[in-house]
């Protein structure tokens, strides 16, 4: 029997493995989107820090009402 090879000689396995390890380069659009995301996160951090005094603290007291949330029953018990 004869072995027929179409498409020429095969590349050595090491060359194929080397090719798979190389990361594809980012396009200009990917770089733009990364920069846009980074700038929006920075802006969000600045706004949160600027208005941090308006955010309620995590724990208001020993009863843990701030973290668990209050419903009408707990409010009526306190009044």
PDB file of N, CA and C in Angstrom:
ATOM      1  N   UNK A   1       0.834  -1.167   0.000  1.00  0.00           N
ATOM      2  CA  UNK A   1       0.000   0.000   0.000  1.00  0.00           C
ATOM      3  C   UNK A   1       0.882   1.234   0.000  1.00  0.00           C
ATOM      4  N   UNK A   2       0.373   2.233  -0.610  1.00  0.00           N
ATOM      5  CA  UNK A   2       1.088   3.502  -0.675  1.00  0.00           C
ATOM      6  C   UNK A   2       0.348   4.536   0.157  1.00  0.00           C
ATOM      7  N   UNK A   3       1.129   5.321   0.894  1.00  0.00           N
ATOM      8  CA  UNK A   3       0.545   6.414   1.681  1.00  0.00           C
ATOM      9  C   UNK A   3       0.589   7.686   0.848  1.00  0.00           C
ATOM     10  N   UNK A   4      -0.546   8.316   0.708  1.00  0.00           N
ATOM     11  CA  UNK A   4      -0.619   9.549  -0.058  1.00  0.00           C
ATOM     12  C   UNK A   4      -0.807  10.712   0.910  1.00  0.00           C
ATOM     13  N   UNK A   5       0.034  11.744   0.773  1.00  0.00           N
ATOM     14  CA  UNK A   5      -0.054  12.920   1.640  1.00  0.00           C
ATOM     15  C   UNK A   5      -0.449  14.096   0.760  1.00  0.00           C
ATOM     16  N   UNK A   6      -1.533  14.724   1.118  1.00  0.00           N
ATOM     17  CA  UNK A   6      -1.980  15.912   0.401  1.00  0.00           C
ATOM     18  C   UNK A   6      -1.589  17.151   1.196  1.00  0.00           C
ATOM     19  N   UNK A   7      -1.228  18.202   0.525  1.00  0.00           N
ATOM     20  CA  UNK A   7      -0.940  19.459   1.198  1.00  0.00           C
ATOM     21  C   UNK A   7       0.493  19.582   1.675  1.00  0.00           C
ATOM     22  N   UNK A   8       1.385  18.775   1.245  1.00  0.00           N
ATOM     23  CA  UNK A   8       2.790  18.912   1.617  1.00  0.00           C
ATOM     24  C   UNK A   8       3.112  18.265   2.944  1.00  0.00           C
ATOM     25  N   UNK A   9       4.299  18.558   3.437  1.00  0.00           N
ATOM     26  CA  UNK A   9       4.779  17.956   4.678  1.00  0.00           C
ATOM     27  C   UNK A   9       4.092  18.606   5.878  1.00  0.00           C
ATOM     28  N   UNK A  10       3.942  17.852   6.921  1.00  0.00           N
ATOM     29  CA  UNK A  10       3.321  18.358   8.135  1.00  0.00           C
ATOM     30  C   UNK A  10       4.355  19.101   8.975  1.00  0.00           C
ATOM     31  N   UNK A  11       3.894  20.071   9.718  1.00  0.00           N
ATOM     32  CA  UNK A  11       4.773  20.825  10.611  1.00  0.00           C
ATOM     33  C   UNK A  11       5.091  19.974  11.826  1.00  0.00           C
ATOM     34  N   UNK A  12       6.301  20.097  12.348  1.00  0.00           N
ATOM     35  CA  UNK A  12       6.636  19.328  13.555  1.00  0.00           C
ATOM     36  C   UNK A  12       5.721  19.724  14.721  1.00  0.00           C
ATOM     37  N   UNK A  13       5.521  18.794  15.623  1.00  0.00           N
ATOM     38  CA  UNK A  13       4.616  19.018  16.753  1.00  0.00           C
ATOM     39  C   UNK A  13       5.074  20.190  17.614  1.00  0.00           C
ATOM     40  N   UNK A  14       6.388  20.417  17.726  1.00  0.00           N
ATOM     41  CA  UNK A  14       6.867  21.525  18.552  1.00  0.00           C
ATOM     42  C   UNK A  14       6.488  22.870  17.941  1.00  0.00           C
ATOM     43  N   UNK A  15       6.482  22.983  16.632  1.00  0.00           N
ATOM     44  CA  UNK A  15       6.110  24.240  15.979  1.00  0.00           C
ATOM     45  C   UNK A  15       4.631  24.539  16.208  1.00  0.00           C
ATOM     46  N   UNK A  16       3.807  23.513  16.175  1.00  0.00           N
ATOM     47  CA  UNK A  16       2.376  23.701  16.418  1.00  0.00           C
ATOM     48  C   UNK A  16       2.154  24.120  17.867  1.00  0.00           C
ATOM     49  N   UNK A  17       2.872  23.503  18.803  1.00  0.00           N
ATOM     50  CA  UNK A  17       2.738  23.841  20.217  1.00  0.00           C
ATOM     51  C   UNK A  17       3.207  25.269  20.468  1.00  0.00           C
ATOM     52  N   UNK A  18       4.285  25.696  19.815  1.00  0.00           N
ATOM     53  CA  UNK A  18       4.775  27.066  19.972  1.00  0.00           C
ATOM     54  C   UNK A  18       3.741  28.066  19.476  1.00  0.00           C
ATOM     55  N   UNK A  19       3.089  27.763  18.374  1.00  0.00           N
ATOM     56  CA  UNK A  19       2.100  28.650  17.792  1.00  0.00           C
ATOM     57  C   UNK A  19       0.893  28.813  18.717  1.00  0.00           C
ATOM     58  N   UNK A  20       0.512  27.768  19.421  1.00  0.00           N
ATOM     59  CA  UNK A  20      -0.653  27.828  20.297  1.00  0.00           C
ATOM     60  C   UNK A  20      -0.375  28.625  21.563  1.00  0.00           C
ATOM     61  N   UNK A  21       0.879  28.717  22.004  1.00  0.00           N
ATOM     62  CA  UNK A  21       1.206  29.421  23.234  1.00  0.00           C
ATOM     63  C   UNK A  21       1.222  30.937  23.065  1.00  0.00           C
ATOM     64  N   UNK A  22       1.346  31.418  21.867  1.00  0.00           N
ATOM     65  CA  UNK A  22       1.427  32.854  21.629  1.00  0.00           C
ATOM     66  C   UNK A  22       0.028  33.455  21.717  1.00  0.00           C
ATOM     67  N   UNK A  23      -0.108  34.526  22.539  1.00  0.00           N
ATOM     68  CA  UNK A  23      -1.403  35.187  22.669  1.00  0.00           C
ATOM     69  C   UNK A  23      -1.660  36.026  21.427  1.00  0.00           C
ATOM     70  N   UNK A  24      -2.891  36.021  20.967  1.00  0.00           N
ATOM     71  CA  UNK A  24      -3.208  36.899  19.841  1.00  0.00           C
ATOM     72  C   UNK A  24      -3.163  38.359  20.294  1.00  0.00           C
ATOM     73  N   UNK A  25      -2.741  39.228  19.415  1.00  0.00           N
ATOM     74  CA  UNK A  25      -2.640  40.646  19.746  1.00  0.00           C
ATOM     75  C   UNK A  25      -4.026  41.266  19.825  1.00  0.00           C
ATOM     76  N   UNK A  26      -4.163  42.250  20.718  1.00  0.00           N
ATOM     77  CA  UNK A  26      -5.434  42.946  20.862  1.00  0.00           C
ATOM     78  C   UNK A  26      -5.588  43.936  19.717  1.00  0.00           C
ATOM     79  N   UNK A  27      -6.814  44.075  19.279  1.00  0.00           N
ATOM     80  CA  UNK A  27      -7.090  45.054  18.243  1.00  0.00           C
ATOM     81  C   UNK A  27      -7.184  46.440  18.875  1.00  0.00           C
ATOM     82  N   UNK A  28      -7.204  47.444  18.052  1.00  0.00           N
ATOM     83  CA  UNK A  28      -7.305  48.817  18.551  1.00  0.00           C
ATOM     84  C   UNK A  28      -8.650  49.029  19.248  1.00  0.00           C
ATOM     85  N   UNK A  29      -9.686  48.337  18.778  1.00  0.00           N
ATOM     86  CA  UNK A  29     -10.997  48.425  19.420  1.00  0.00           C
ATOM     87  C   UNK A  29     -10.943  47.842  20.831  1.00  0.00           C
ATOM     88  N   UNK A  30     -10.243  46.717  21.012  1.00  0.00           N
ATOM     89  CA  UNK A  30     -10.104  46.115  22.340  1.00  0.00           C
ATOM     90  C   UNK A  30      -9.368  47.061  23.293  1.00  0.00           C
ATOM     91  N   UNK A  31      -8.306  47.701  22.805  1.00  0.00           N
ATOM     92  CA  UNK A  31      -7.579  48.667  23.634  1.00  0.00           C
ATOM     93  C   UNK A  31      -8.482  49.846  24.001  1.00  0.00           C
ATOM     94  N   UNK A  32      -9.256  50.325  23.049  1.00  0.00           N
ATOM     95  CA  UNK A  32     -10.180  51.432  23.304  1.00  0.00           C
ATOM     96  C   UNK A  32     -11.204  51.049  24.359  1.00  0.00           C
ATOM     97  N   UNK A  33     -11.796  49.854  24.233  1.00  0.00           N
ATOM     98  CA  UNK A  33     -12.816  49.427  25.198  1.00  0.00           C
ATOM     99  C   UNK A  33     -12.218  49.233  26.587  1.00  0.00           C
ATOM    100  N   UNK A  34     -10.998  48.709  26.671  1.00  0.00           N
ATOM    101  CA  UNK A  34     -10.348  48.558  27.976  1.00  0.00           C
ATOM    102  C   UNK A  34     -10.127  49.919  28.632  1.00  0.00           C
ATOM    103  N   UNK A  35      -9.679  50.885  27.854  1.00  0.00           N
ATOM    104  CA  UNK A  35      -9.482  52.233  28.385  1.00  0.00           C
ATOM    105  C   UNK A  35     -10.785  52.874  28.817  1.00  0.00           C
ATOM    106  N   UNK A  36     -11.836  52.661  28.032  1.00  0.00           N
ATOM    107  CA  UNK A  36     -13.146  53.212  28.367  1.00  0.00           C
ATOM    108  C   UNK A  36     -13.672  52.618  29.671  1.00  0.00           C
ATOM    109  N   UNK A  37     -13.549  51.298  29.825  1.00  0.00           N
ATOM    110  CA  UNK A  37     -14.003  50.654  31.060  1.00  0.00           C
ATOM    111  C   UNK A  37     -13.222  51.166  32.259  1.00  0.00           C
ATOM    112  N   UNK A  38     -11.910  51.287  32.102  1.00  0.00           N
ATOM    113  CA  UNK A  38     -11.078  51.749  33.202  1.00  0.00           C
ATOM    114  C   UNK A  38     -11.443  53.179  33.610  1.00  0.00           C
ATOM    115  N   UNK A  39     -11.684  54.040  32.631  1.00  0.00           N
ATOM    116  CA  UNK A  39     -12.032  55.422  32.955  1.00  0.00           C
ATOM    117  C   UNK A  39     -13.410  55.511  33.612  1.00  0.00           C
ATOM    118  N   UNK A  40     -14.355  54.699  33.190  1.00  0.00           N
ATOM    119  CA  UNK A  40     -15.699  54.722  33.792  1.00  0.00           C
ATOM    120  C   UNK A  40     -15.659  54.193  35.221  1.00  0.00           C
ATOM    121  N   UNK A  41     -14.850  53.154  35.477  1.00  0.00           N
ATOM    122  CA  UNK A  41     -14.714  52.650  36.847  1.00  0.00           C
ATOM    123  C   UNK A  41     -14.079  53.707  37.743  1.00  0.00           C
ATOM    124  N   UNK A  42     -13.080  54.419  37.229  1.00  0.00           N
ATOM    125  CA  UNK A  42     -12.430  55.464  38.014  1.00  0.00           C
ATOM    126  C   UNK A  42     -13.421  56.588  38.324  1.00  0.00           C
ATOM    127  N   UNK A  43     -14.226  56.960  37.343  1.00  0.00           N
ATOM    128  CA  UNK A  43     -15.237  57.999  37.561  1.00  0.00           C
ATOM    129  C   UNK A  43     -16.265  57.543  38.597  1.00  0.00           C
ATOM    130  N   UNK A  44     -16.687  56.286  38.532  1.00  0.00           N
ATOM    131  CA  UNK A  44     -17.652  55.757  39.506  1.00  0.00           C
ATOM    132  C   UNK A  44     -17.055  55.777  40.913  1.00  0.00           C
ATOM    133  N   UNK A  45     -15.786  55.400  41.036  1.00  0.00           N
ATOM    134  CA  UNK A  45     -15.136  55.443  42.344  1.00  0.00           C
ATOM    135  C   UNK A  45     -15.081  56.867  42.888  1.00  0.00           C
ATOM    136  N   UNK A  46     -14.782  57.847  42.018  1.00  0.00           N
ATOM    137  CA  UNK A  46     -14.732  59.240  42.456  1.00  0.00           C
ATOM    138  C   UNK A  46     -16.099  59.731  42.922  1.00  0.00           C
ATOM    139  N   UNK A  47     -17.152  59.380  42.203  1.00  0.00           N
ATOM    140  CA  UNK A  47     -18.499  59.817  42.576  1.00  0.00           C
ATOM    141  C   UNK A  47     -18.922  59.182  43.890  1.00  0.00           C
ATOM    142  N   UNK A  48     -18.644  57.901  44.062  1.00  0.00           N
ATOM    143  CA  UNK A  48     -19.000  57.220  45.320  1.00  0.00           C
ATOM    144  C   UNK A  48     -18.240  57.839  46.480  1.00  0.00           C
ATOM    145  N   UNK A  49     -16.959  58.117  46.284  1.00  0.00           N
ATOM    146  CA  UNK A  49     -16.173  58.723  47.356  1.00  0.00           C
ATOM    147  C   UNK A  49     -16.672  60.131  47.677  1.00  0.00           C
ATOM    148  N   UNK A  50     -17.062  60.879  46.649  1.00  0.00           N
ATOM    149  CA  UNK A  50     -17.551  62.239  46.849  1.00  0.00           C
ATOM    150  C   UNK A  50     -18.849  62.257  47.658  1.00  0.00           C
ATOM    151  N   UNK A  51     -19.731  61.286  47.411  1.00  0.00           N
ATOM    152  CA  UNK A  51     -21.034  61.244  48.070  1.00  0.00           C
ATOM    153  C   UNK A  51     -21.111  60.160  49.142  1.00  0.00           C
ATOM    154  N   UNK A  52     -19.979  59.746  49.651  1.00  0.00           N
ATOM    155  CA  UNK A  52     -19.937  58.675  50.644  1.00  0.00           C
ATOM    156  C   UNK A  52     -20.673  59.058  51.926  1.00  0.00           C
ATOM    157  N   UNK A  53     -20.743  60.334  52.232  1.00  0.00           N
ATOM    158  CA  UNK A  53     -21.429  60.763  53.457  1.00  0.00           C
ATOM    159  C   UNK A  53     -22.936  60.521  53.382  1.00  0.00           C
ATOM    160  N   UNK A  54     -23.477  60.284  52.203  1.00  0.00           N
ATOM    161  CA  UNK A  54     -24.911  60.030  52.049  1.00  0.00           C
ATOM    162  C   UNK A  54     -25.276  58.557  52.163  1.00  0.00           C
ATOM    163  N   UNK A  55     -24.281  57.694  52.156  1.00  0.00           N
ATOM    164  CA  UNK A  55     -24.516  56.253  52.215  1.00  0.00           C
ATOM    165  C   UNK A  55     -24.671  55.844  53.671  1.00  0.00           C
ATOM    166  N   UNK A  56     -25.684  55.020  53.952  1.00  0.00           N
ATOM    167  CA  UNK A  56     -25.934  54.569  55.321  1.00  0.00           C
ATOM    168  C   UNK A  56     -24.822  53.617  55.760  1.00  0.00           C
ATOM    169  N   UNK A  57     -24.453  53.674  57.036  1.00  0.00           N
ATOM    170  CA  UNK A  57     -23.441  52.729  57.534  1.00  0.00           C
ATOM    171  C   UNK A  57     -23.996  51.311  57.545  1.00  0.00           C
ATOM    172  N   UNK A  58     -23.110  50.337  57.581  1.00  0.00           N
ATOM    173  CA  UNK A  58     -23.533  48.938  57.543  1.00  0.00           C
ATOM    174  C   UNK A  58     -24.311  48.529  58.785  1.00  0.00           C
ATOM    175  N   UNK A  59     -23.866  48.931  59.938  1.00  0.00           N
ATOM    176  CA  UNK A  59     -24.531  48.547  61.193  1.00  0.00           C
ATOM    177  C   UNK A  59     -24.934  49.795  61.956  1.00  0.00           C
ATOM    178  N   UNK A  60     -26.229  49.949  62.190  1.00  0.00           N
ATOM    179  CA  UNK A  60     -26.703  51.111  62.934  1.00  0.00           C
ATOM    180  C   UNK A  60     -26.769  50.844  64.432  1.00  0.00           C
ATOM    181  N   UNK A  61     -26.909  49.619  64.812  1.00  0.00           N
ATOM    182  CA  UNK A  61     -27.017  49.313  66.241  1.00  0.00           C
ATOM    183  C   UNK A  61     -26.812  47.838  66.498  1.00  0.00           C
ATOM    184  N   UNK A  62     -27.120  47.427  67.711  1.00  0.00           N
ATOM    185  CA  UNK A  62     -26.918  46.039  68.102  1.00  0.00           C
ATOM    186  C   UNK A  62     -27.965  45.103  67.518  1.00  0.00           C
ATOM    187  N   UNK A  63     -29.132  45.638  67.147  1.00  0.00           N
ATOM    188  CA  UNK A  63     -30.206  44.764  66.678  1.00  0.00           C
ATOM    189  C   UNK A  63     -30.016  44.304  65.236  1.00  0.00           C
ATOM    190  N   UNK A  64     -29.092  44.886  64.497  1.00  0.00           N
ATOM    191  CA  UNK A  64     -28.820  44.453  63.137  1.00  0.00           C
ATOM    192  C   UNK A  64     -29.913  44.790  62.148  1.00  0.00           C
ATOM    193  N   UNK A  65     -30.733  45.791  62.455  1.00  0.00           N
ATOM    194  CA  UNK A  65     -31.850  46.136  61.575  1.00  0.00           C
ATOM    195  C   UNK A  65     -31.368  46.672  60.232  1.00  0.00           C
ATOM    196  N   UNK A  66     -30.223  47.310  60.197  1.00  0.00           N
ATOM    197  CA  UNK A  66     -29.734  47.879  58.938  1.00  0.00           C
ATOM    198  C   UNK A  66     -29.311  46.789  57.967  1.00  0.00           C
ATOM    199  N   UNK A  67     -28.699  45.732  58.474  1.00  0.00           N
ATOM    200  CA  UNK A  67     -28.227  44.688  57.568  1.00  0.00           C
ATOM    201  C   UNK A  67     -29.341  43.724  57.176  1.00  0.00           C
ATOM    202  N   UNK A  68     -30.321  43.519  58.050  1.00  0.00           N
ATOM    203  CA  UNK A  68     -31.399  42.577  57.750  1.00  0.00           C
ATOM    204  C   UNK A  68     -32.564  43.244  57.033  1.00  0.00           C
ATOM    205  N   UNK A  69     -32.693  44.525  57.139  1.00  0.00           N
ATOM    206  CA  UNK A  69     -33.820  45.225  56.548  1.00  0.00           C
ATOM    207  C   UNK A  69     -34.981  45.264  57.534  1.00  0.00           C
ATOM    208  N   UNK A  70     -35.781  46.266  57.402  1.00  0.00           N
ATOM    209  CA  UNK A  70     -36.916  46.402  58.313  1.00  0.00           C
ATOM    210  C   UNK A  70     -38.202  46.205  57.542  1.00  0.00           C
ATOM    211  N   UNK A  71     -39.154  45.603  58.200  1.00  0.00           N
ATOM    212  CA  UNK A  71     -40.484  45.500  57.606  1.00  0.00           C
ATOM    213  C   UNK A  71     -41.471  46.206  58.534  1.00  0.00           C
ATOM    214  N   UNK A  72     -42.725  46.213  58.187  1.00  0.00           N
ATOM    215  CA  UNK A  72     -43.724  46.941  58.949  1.00  0.00           C
ATOM    216  C   UNK A  72     -43.877  46.415  60.380  1.00  0.00           C
ATOM    217  N   UNK A  73     -43.697  45.121  60.576  1.00  0.00           N
ATOM    218  CA  UNK A  73     -43.857  44.543  61.897  1.00  0.00           C
ATOM    219  C   UNK A  73     -42.803  45.078  62.871  1.00  0.00           C
ATOM    220  N   UNK A  74     -41.551  45.155  62.426  1.00  0.00           N
ATOM    221  CA  UNK A  74     -40.506  45.625  63.330  1.00  0.00           C
ATOM    222  C   UNK A  74     -40.655  47.112  63.597  1.00  0.00           C
ATOM    223  N   UNK A  75     -41.145  47.873  62.643  1.00  0.00           N
ATOM    224  CA  UNK A  75     -41.354  49.296  62.861  1.00  0.00           C
ATOM    225  C   UNK A  75     -42.507  49.539  63.832  1.00  0.00           C
ATOM    226  N   UNK A  76     -43.575  48.737  63.734  1.00  0.00           N
ATOM    227  CA  UNK A  76     -44.715  48.937  64.623  1.00  0.00           C
ATOM    228  C   UNK A  76     -44.373  48.545  66.057  1.00  0.00           C
ATOM    229  N   UNK A  77     -43.454  47.607  66.258  1.00  0.00           N
ATOM    230  CA  UNK A  77     -43.047  47.206  67.594  1.00  0.00           C
ATOM    231  C   UNK A  77     -42.268  48.312  68.289  1.00  0.00           C
ATOM    232  N   UNK A  78     -41.586  49.132  67.566  1.00  0.00           N
ATOM    233  CA  UNK A  78     -40.723  50.149  68.156  1.00  0.00           C
ATOM    234  C   UNK A  78     -41.476  51.443  68.456  1.00  0.00           C
ATOM    235  N   UNK A  79     -42.633  51.645  67.908  1.00  0.00           N
ATOM    236  CA  UNK A  79     -43.339  52.914  68.105  1.00  0.00           C
ATOM    237  C   UNK A  79     -44.339  52.817  69.223  1.00  0.00           C
TER     238      UNK A  79
END
